C-alpha atoms as a PDB file:
ATOM      1  CA  MET A   1     -17.580 -18.660  -4.894  1.00  0.00           C
ATOM      2  CA  ASP A   2     -16.099 -18.121  -1.516  1.00  0.00           C
ATOM      3  CA  PHE A   3     -15.586 -14.314  -2.089  1.00  0.00           C
ATOM      4  CA  PHE A   4     -18.125 -11.451  -3.009  1.00  0.00           C
ATOM      5  CA  VAL A   5     -18.251  -9.643  -6.252  1.00  0.00           C
ATOM      6  CA  HIS A   6     -20.810  -6.831  -6.871  1.00  0.00           C
ATOM      7  CA  LYS A   7     -22.923  -7.285  -9.811  1.00  0.00           C
ATOM      8  CA  THR A   8     -21.470  -4.156 -11.413  1.00  0.00           C
ATOM      9  CA  ALA A   9     -17.818  -5.188 -10.833  1.00  0.00           C
ATOM     10  CA  ILE A  10     -15.827  -6.781 -13.773  1.00  0.00           C
ATOM     11  CA  ILE A  11     -13.411  -9.673 -13.150  1.00  0.00           C
ATOM     12  CA  ASP A  12     -11.222 -10.599 -16.110  1.00  0.00           C
ATOM     13  CA  GLU A  13     -10.174 -14.199 -16.986  1.00  0.00           C
ATOM     14  CA  GLY A  14      -6.996 -15.394 -15.265  1.00  0.00           C
ATOM     15  CA  VAL A  15      -7.616 -13.663 -11.918  1.00  0.00           C
ATOM     16  CA  SER A  16      -7.118 -15.341  -8.514  1.00  0.00           C
ATOM     17  CA  ILE A  17      -9.221 -14.082  -5.665  1.00  0.00           C
ATOM     18  CA  GLY A  18      -8.826 -15.388  -2.103  1.00  0.00           C
ATOM     19  CA  ALA A  19     -11.594 -16.575   0.263  1.00  0.00           C
ATOM     20  CA  GLY A  20     -13.514 -13.824   2.011  1.00  0.00           C
ATOM     21  CA  SER A  21     -12.508 -11.002  -0.286  1.00  0.00           C
ATOM     22  CA  LYS A  22     -15.119  -8.361  -1.398  1.00  0.00           C
ATOM     23  CA  ILE A  23     -15.117  -6.417  -4.639  1.00  0.00           C
ATOM     24  CA  TRP A  24     -17.609  -3.545  -4.691  1.00  0.00           C
ATOM     25  CA  HIS A  25     -19.452  -1.405  -7.158  1.00  0.00           C
ATOM     26  CA  PHE A  26     -17.920  -0.672 -10.638  1.00  0.00           C
ATOM     27  CA  SER A  27     -14.535  -2.072  -9.753  1.00  0.00           C
ATOM     28  CA  HIS A  28     -12.395  -3.931 -12.313  1.00  0.00           C
ATOM     29  CA  ILE A  29      -9.828  -6.567 -11.572  1.00  0.00           C
ATOM     30  CA  LEU A  30      -7.672  -7.193 -14.672  1.00  0.00           C
ATOM     31  CA  THR A  31      -6.134 -10.319 -15.933  1.00  0.00           C
ATOM     32  CA  GLY A  32      -3.264 -12.026 -14.130  1.00  0.00           C
ATOM     33  CA  SER A  33      -3.879 -10.306 -10.893  1.00  0.00           C
ATOM     34  CA  VAL A  34      -3.702 -12.196  -7.573  1.00  0.00           C
ATOM     35  CA  ILE A  35      -5.863 -11.102  -4.683  1.00  0.00           C
ATOM     36  CA  GLY A  36      -5.212 -12.546  -1.334  1.00  0.00           C
ATOM     37  CA  LYS A  37      -7.801 -13.617   1.292  1.00  0.00           C
ATOM     38  CA  ASN A  38     -10.099 -11.290   3.177  1.00  0.00           C
ATOM     39  CA  CYS A  39      -9.308  -8.249   0.983  1.00  0.00           C
ATOM     40  CA  SER A  40     -11.793  -5.359   0.445  1.00  0.00           C
ATOM     41  CA  PHE A  41     -11.950  -3.091  -2.643  1.00  0.00           C
ATOM     42  CA  GLY A  42     -14.249  -0.138  -2.487  1.00  0.00           C
ATOM     43  CA  GLN A  43     -16.215   1.259  -5.386  1.00  0.00           C
ATOM     44  CA  ASN A  44     -14.557   2.230  -8.624  1.00  0.00           C
ATOM     45  CA  CYS A  45     -11.190   0.486  -8.017  1.00  0.00           C
ATOM     46  CA  VAL A  46      -8.910  -0.817 -10.812  1.00  0.00           C
ATOM     47  CA  ILE A  47      -6.462  -3.463  -9.997  1.00  0.00           C
ATOM     48  CA  GLY A  48      -3.946  -4.801 -12.623  1.00  0.00           C
ATOM     49  CA  PRO A  49      -3.152  -6.234 -14.835  1.00  0.00           C
ATOM     50  CA  TYR A  50      -0.607  -8.617 -13.043  1.00  0.00           C
ATOM     51  CA  VAL A  51      -0.843  -6.964  -9.608  1.00  0.00           C
ATOM     52  CA  LYS A  52      -0.250  -8.904  -6.435  1.00  0.00           C
ATOM     53  CA  MET A  53      -2.223  -8.007  -3.359  1.00  0.00           C
ATOM     54  CA  GLY A  54      -1.533 -10.012  -0.157  1.00  0.00           C
ATOM     55  CA  ASP A  55      -4.054 -11.165   2.473  1.00  0.00           C
ATOM     56  CA  GLY A  56      -6.261  -8.658   4.406  1.00  0.00           C
ATOM     57  CA  CYS A  57      -5.576  -5.577   2.136  1.00  0.00           C
ATOM     58  CA  LYS A  58      -8.107  -2.784   2.255  1.00  0.00           C
ATOM     59  CA  VAL A  59      -8.393  -0.610  -0.968  1.00  0.00           C
ATOM     60  CA  GLN A  60     -10.759   2.406  -0.576  1.00  0.00           C
ATOM     61  CA  ASN A  61     -12.815   4.035  -3.252  1.00  0.00           C
ATOM     62  CA  ASN A  62     -11.295   5.347  -6.500  1.00  0.00           C
ATOM     63  CA  VAL A  63      -7.889   3.698  -6.345  1.00  0.00           C
ATOM     64  CA  SER A  64      -6.133   2.263  -9.374  1.00  0.00           C
ATOM     65  CA  VAL A  65      -3.214  -0.119  -8.515  1.00  0.00           C
ATOM     66  CA  TYR A  66      -1.173  -0.580 -11.820  1.00  0.00           C
ATOM     67  CA  HIS A  67       1.043  -3.332 -13.290  1.00  0.00           C
ATOM     68  CA  GLY A  68       4.368  -3.165 -11.294  1.00  0.00           C
ATOM     69  CA  VAL A  69       2.812  -2.588  -7.868  1.00  0.00           C
ATOM     70  CA  GLU A  70       2.913  -5.261  -5.287  1.00  0.00           C
ATOM     71  CA  CYS A  71       1.158  -5.051  -1.889  1.00  0.00           C
ATOM     72  CA  GLU A  72       2.131  -7.470   0.906  1.00  0.00           C
ATOM     73  CA  ASP A  73      -0.313  -8.462   3.640  1.00  0.00           C
ATOM     74  CA  HIS A  74      -2.618  -5.978   5.563  1.00  0.00           C
ATOM     75  CA  VAL A  75      -1.841  -2.914   3.307  1.00  0.00           C
ATOM     76  CA  PHE A  76      -4.311  -0.086   3.558  1.00  0.00           C
ATOM     77  CA  LEU A  77      -4.823   2.217   0.558  1.00  0.00           C
ATOM     78  CA  GLY A  78      -6.914   5.348   1.257  1.00  0.00           C
ATOM     79  CA  PRO A  79      -9.463   6.880  -0.978  1.00  0.00           C
ATOM     80  CA  SER A  80      -8.242   8.213  -4.381  1.00  0.00           C
ATOM     81  CA  ALA A  81      -4.500   7.190  -3.626  1.00  0.00           C
ATOM     82  CA  VAL A  82      -2.630   7.207  -6.877  1.00  0.00           C
ATOM     83  CA  PHE A  83       0.238   4.874  -8.195  1.00  0.00           C
ATOM     84  CA  THR A  84       2.403   5.482 -11.150  1.00  0.00           C
ATOM     85  CA  ASN A  85       4.428   2.894 -13.039  1.00  0.00           C
ATOM     86  CA  VAL A  86       6.669   4.752 -15.574  1.00  0.00           C
ATOM     87  CA  MET A  87       8.827   7.801 -14.771  1.00  0.00           C
ATOM     88  CA  ASN A  88       8.302   9.894 -17.846  1.00  0.00           C
ATOM     89  CA  PRO A  89       4.999   8.959 -19.614  1.00  0.00           C
ATOM     90  CA  ARG A  90       4.085  10.219 -22.954  1.00  0.00           C
ATOM     91  CA  ALA A  91       0.772   9.377 -24.768  1.00  0.00           C
ATOM     92  CA  PHE A  92       2.683   8.977 -28.065  1.00  0.00           C
ATOM     93  CA  ILE A  93       5.384   6.715 -26.743  1.00  0.00           C
ATOM     94  CA  GLU A  94       4.735   3.228 -25.371  1.00  0.00           C
ATOM     95  CA  ARG A  95       6.988   2.465 -22.459  1.00  0.00           C
ATOM     96  CA  LYS A  96       5.676  -0.819 -20.916  1.00  0.00           C
ATOM     97  CA  GLU A  97       9.164  -2.218 -20.867  1.00  0.00           C
ATOM     98  CA  GLU A  98      10.112   0.605 -18.564  1.00  0.00           C
ATOM     99  CA  PHE A  99       7.615  -0.087 -15.848  1.00  0.00           C
ATOM    100  CA  ARG A 100       9.252   0.142 -12.316  1.00  0.00           C
ATOM    101  CA  LYS A 101       8.254  -2.042  -9.517  1.00  0.00           C
ATOM    102  CA  THR A 102       6.751  -0.474  -6.482  1.00  0.00           C
ATOM    103  CA  ILE A 103       6.504  -2.556  -3.302  1.00  0.00           C
ATOM    104  CA  LEU A 104       4.330  -1.819  -0.150  1.00  0.00           C
ATOM    105  CA  LYS A 105       5.453  -3.915   2.732  1.00  0.00           C
ATOM    106  CA  LYS A 106       3.324  -5.633   5.363  1.00  0.00           C
ATOM    107  CA  GLY A 107       0.978  -3.382   7.339  1.00  0.00           C
ATOM    108  CA  CYS A 108       1.769  -0.027   5.783  1.00  0.00           C
ATOM    109  CA  SER A 109      -0.899   2.581   5.119  1.00  0.00           C
ATOM    110  CA  VAL A 110      -1.264   5.115   2.443  1.00  0.00           C
ATOM    111  CA  GLY A 111      -3.523   8.123   3.076  1.00  0.00           C
ATOM    112  CA  ALA A 112      -6.286   9.706   0.964  1.00  0.00           C
ATOM    113  CA  ASN A 113      -5.062  11.363  -2.225  1.00  0.00           C
ATOM    114  CA  ALA A 114      -1.481  10.403  -1.672  1.00  0.00           C
ATOM    115  CA  THR A 115       0.643   9.808  -4.789  1.00  0.00           C
ATOM    116  CA  ILE A 116       3.244   7.095  -4.888  1.00  0.00           C
ATOM    117  CA  VAL A 117       5.851   7.435  -7.697  1.00  0.00           C
ATOM    118  CA  CYS A 118       6.982   4.242  -9.134  1.00  0.00           C
ATOM    119  CA  GLY A 119      10.149   2.374  -8.346  1.00  0.00           C
ATOM    120  CA  ILE A 120      10.141   2.762  -4.569  1.00  0.00           C
ATOM    121  CA  CYS A 121       9.579   0.614  -1.449  1.00  0.00           C
ATOM    122  CA  ILE A 122       7.318   1.678   1.439  1.00  0.00           C
ATOM    123  CA  GLY A 123       8.478  -0.149   4.614  1.00  0.00           C
ATOM    124  CA  ALA A 124       6.392  -2.329   6.848  1.00  0.00           C
ATOM    125  CA  TYR A 125       3.913  -0.442   8.995  1.00  0.00           C
ATOM    126  CA  ALA A 126       4.928   2.933   7.603  1.00  0.00           C
ATOM    127  CA  PHE A 127       2.249   5.543   7.469  1.00  0.00           C
ATOM    128  CA  ILE A 128       1.920   7.850   4.417  1.00  0.00           C
ATOM    129  CA  GLY A 129      -0.229  10.947   5.334  1.00  0.00           C
ATOM    130  CA  ALA A 130      -3.075  12.183   3.216  1.00  0.00           C
ATOM    131  CA  GLY A 131      -1.993  14.180   0.195  1.00  0.00           C
ATOM    132  CA  CYS A 132       1.649  13.073   0.369  1.00  0.00           C
ATOM    133  CA  VAL A 133       3.787  12.831  -2.677  1.00  0.00           C
ATOM    134  CA  VAL A 134       6.304   9.991  -2.113  1.00  0.00           C
ATOM    135  CA  LEU A 135       9.350  10.167  -4.329  1.00  0.00           C
ATOM    136  CA  ASN A 136      11.728   7.964  -2.439  1.00  0.00           C
ATOM    137  CA  ASP A 137      12.000   4.712  -0.276  1.00  0.00           C
ATOM    138  CA  VAL A 138      10.225   4.958   3.065  1.00  0.00           C
ATOM    139  CA  PRO A 139      11.663   3.118   6.150  1.00  0.00           C
ATOM    140  CA  ALA A 140       9.704   0.672   8.207  1.00  0.00           C
ATOM    141  CA  PHE A 141       7.484   2.439  10.780  1.00  0.00           C
ATOM    142  CA  ALA A 142       8.170   5.944   9.277  1.00  0.00           C
ATOM    143  CA  LEU A 143       5.492   8.587   9.566  1.00  0.00           C
ATOM    144  CA  MET A 144       5.530  10.750   6.332  1.00  0.00           C
ATOM    145  CA  VAL A 145       3.844  14.019   5.486  1.00  0.00           C
ATOM    146  CA  GLY A 146       3.879  16.627   2.865  1.00  0.00           C
ATOM    147  CA  ASN A 147       4.898  17.246  -0.766  1.00  0.00           C
ATOM    148  CA  PRO A 148       7.433  16.103  -1.254  1.00  0.00           C
ATOM    149  CA  ALA A 149       6.897  13.508   1.552  1.00  0.00           C
ATOM    150  CA  ARG A 150       9.259  13.917   4.443  1.00  0.00           C
ATOM    151  CA  GLN A 151       9.547  11.962   7.642  1.00  0.00           C
ATOM    152  CA  ILE A 152       8.306  13.621  10.906  1.00  0.00           C
ATOM    153  CA  GLY A 153       8.492  10.567  13.174  1.00  0.00           C
ATOM    154  CA  TRP A 154       7.767   7.021  13.804  1.00  0.00           C
ATOM    155  CA  VAL A 155       4.447   5.005  14.230  1.00  0.00           C
ATOM    156  CA  ASP A 156       3.807   1.592  15.739  1.00  0.00           C
ATOM    157  CA  LYS A 157       1.736  -1.257  14.281  1.00  0.00           C
ATOM    158  CA  ALA A 158      -1.472   0.576  15.298  1.00  0.00           C
ATOM    159  CA  GLY A 159      -0.393   3.801  13.561  1.00  0.00           C
ATOM    160  CA  VAL A 160       0.147   5.500  16.887  1.00  0.00           C
ATOM    161  CA  ARG A 161       3.056   7.839  17.054  1.00  0.00           C
ATOM    162  CA  MET A 162       6.092   6.167  18.865  1.00  0.00           C
ATOM    163  CA  ILE A 163       7.877   8.186  21.545  1.00  0.00           C
ATOM    164  CA  PHE A 164      11.411   6.892  22.277  1.00  0.00           C
ATOM    165  CA  ASP A 165      12.772   7.147  25.725  1.00  0.00           C
ATOM    166  CA  ARG A 166      16.391   8.094  26.728  1.00  0.00           C
ATOM    167  CA  ASP A 167      17.449   4.524  25.808  1.00  0.00           C
ATOM    168  CA  ASN A 168      15.881   4.895  22.367  1.00  0.00           C
ATOM    169  CA  ARG A 169      13.286   2.414  23.364  1.00  0.00           C
ATOM    170  CA  ALA A 170       9.500   2.429  22.527  1.00  0.00           C
ATOM    171  CA  ILE A 171       6.622   0.138  23.353  1.00  0.00           C
ATOM    172  CA  ASP A 172       4.133  -0.775  20.549  1.00  0.00           C
ATOM    173  CA  SER A 173       0.511   0.186  21.625  1.00  0.00           C
ATOM    174  CA  TYR A 174      -0.866  -2.624  19.578  1.00  0.00           C
ATOM    175  CA  ASP A 175       0.966  -5.580  20.888  1.00  0.00           C
ATOM    176  CA  ALA A 176       3.496  -4.315  23.381  1.00  0.00           C
ATOM    177  CA  SER A 177       6.481  -5.226  21.261  1.00  0.00           C
ATOM    178  CA  VAL A 178       9.675  -3.372  22.182  1.00  0.00           C
ATOM    179  CA  TYR A 179      11.457  -1.277  19.597  1.00  0.00           C
ATOM    180  CA  TYR A 180      14.756   0.366  19.493  1.00  0.00           C
ATOM    181  CA  LEU A 181      15.787   3.309  17.391  1.00  0.00           C
ATOM    182  CA  ASP A 182      19.321   2.608  15.930  1.00  0.00           C
ATOM    183  CA  ASN A 183      20.952   4.805  13.256  1.00  0.00           C
ATOM    184  CA  GLY A 184      17.564   5.975  11.850  1.00  0.00           C
ATOM    185  CA  GLU A 185      16.080   2.382  11.857  1.00  0.00           C
ATOM    186  CA  VAL A 186      13.418   1.014  14.135  1.00  0.00           C
ATOM    187  CA  MET A 187      14.384  -2.374  15.181  1.00  0.00           C
ATOM    188  CA  CYS A 188      12.249  -4.942  17.106  1.00  0.00           C
ATOM    189  CA  ALA A 189      13.900  -6.254  20.298  1.00  0.00           C
ATOM    190  CA  ASP A 190      12.427  -9.658  19.873  1.00  0.00           C
END
């Protein structure tokens, strides 16, 4: 094996796990799930079934990522973050055919105890603050707080708040990329 699985973790048949990934105590990866390279899953995580996680994802303790959720590369999921996959669950009604797809774009972060309601897209490098309840799509680079989540600014690739100058231009603290704010969207100048 070119990945690590703690002896208390359970990996179902039909799972693909990329090189360098680590799955820690009491976690369970369900059938059909695809885990990219160099991912890390803290203790007590449940992934799947049929979930796709890109390369370099970090999932902290006590996170369940359900069928219908897809994480692109380098997504961070904070401790006890919560995902849903159906809008109106009932214990006595099976609604698996109503699962809604939720997409987390490259490099975004979801803070501890945040709740992500199904059927939305969180944009690239967006930052969802701890305890947020996200009900709607989130733009790339958006900084979100509260319940319900609302945007209070923009962050760069490093998660540092961007300050735009008079020309609506900001420099990324991570890699010096130049961004422009145009009609409520952050656009890379490159």
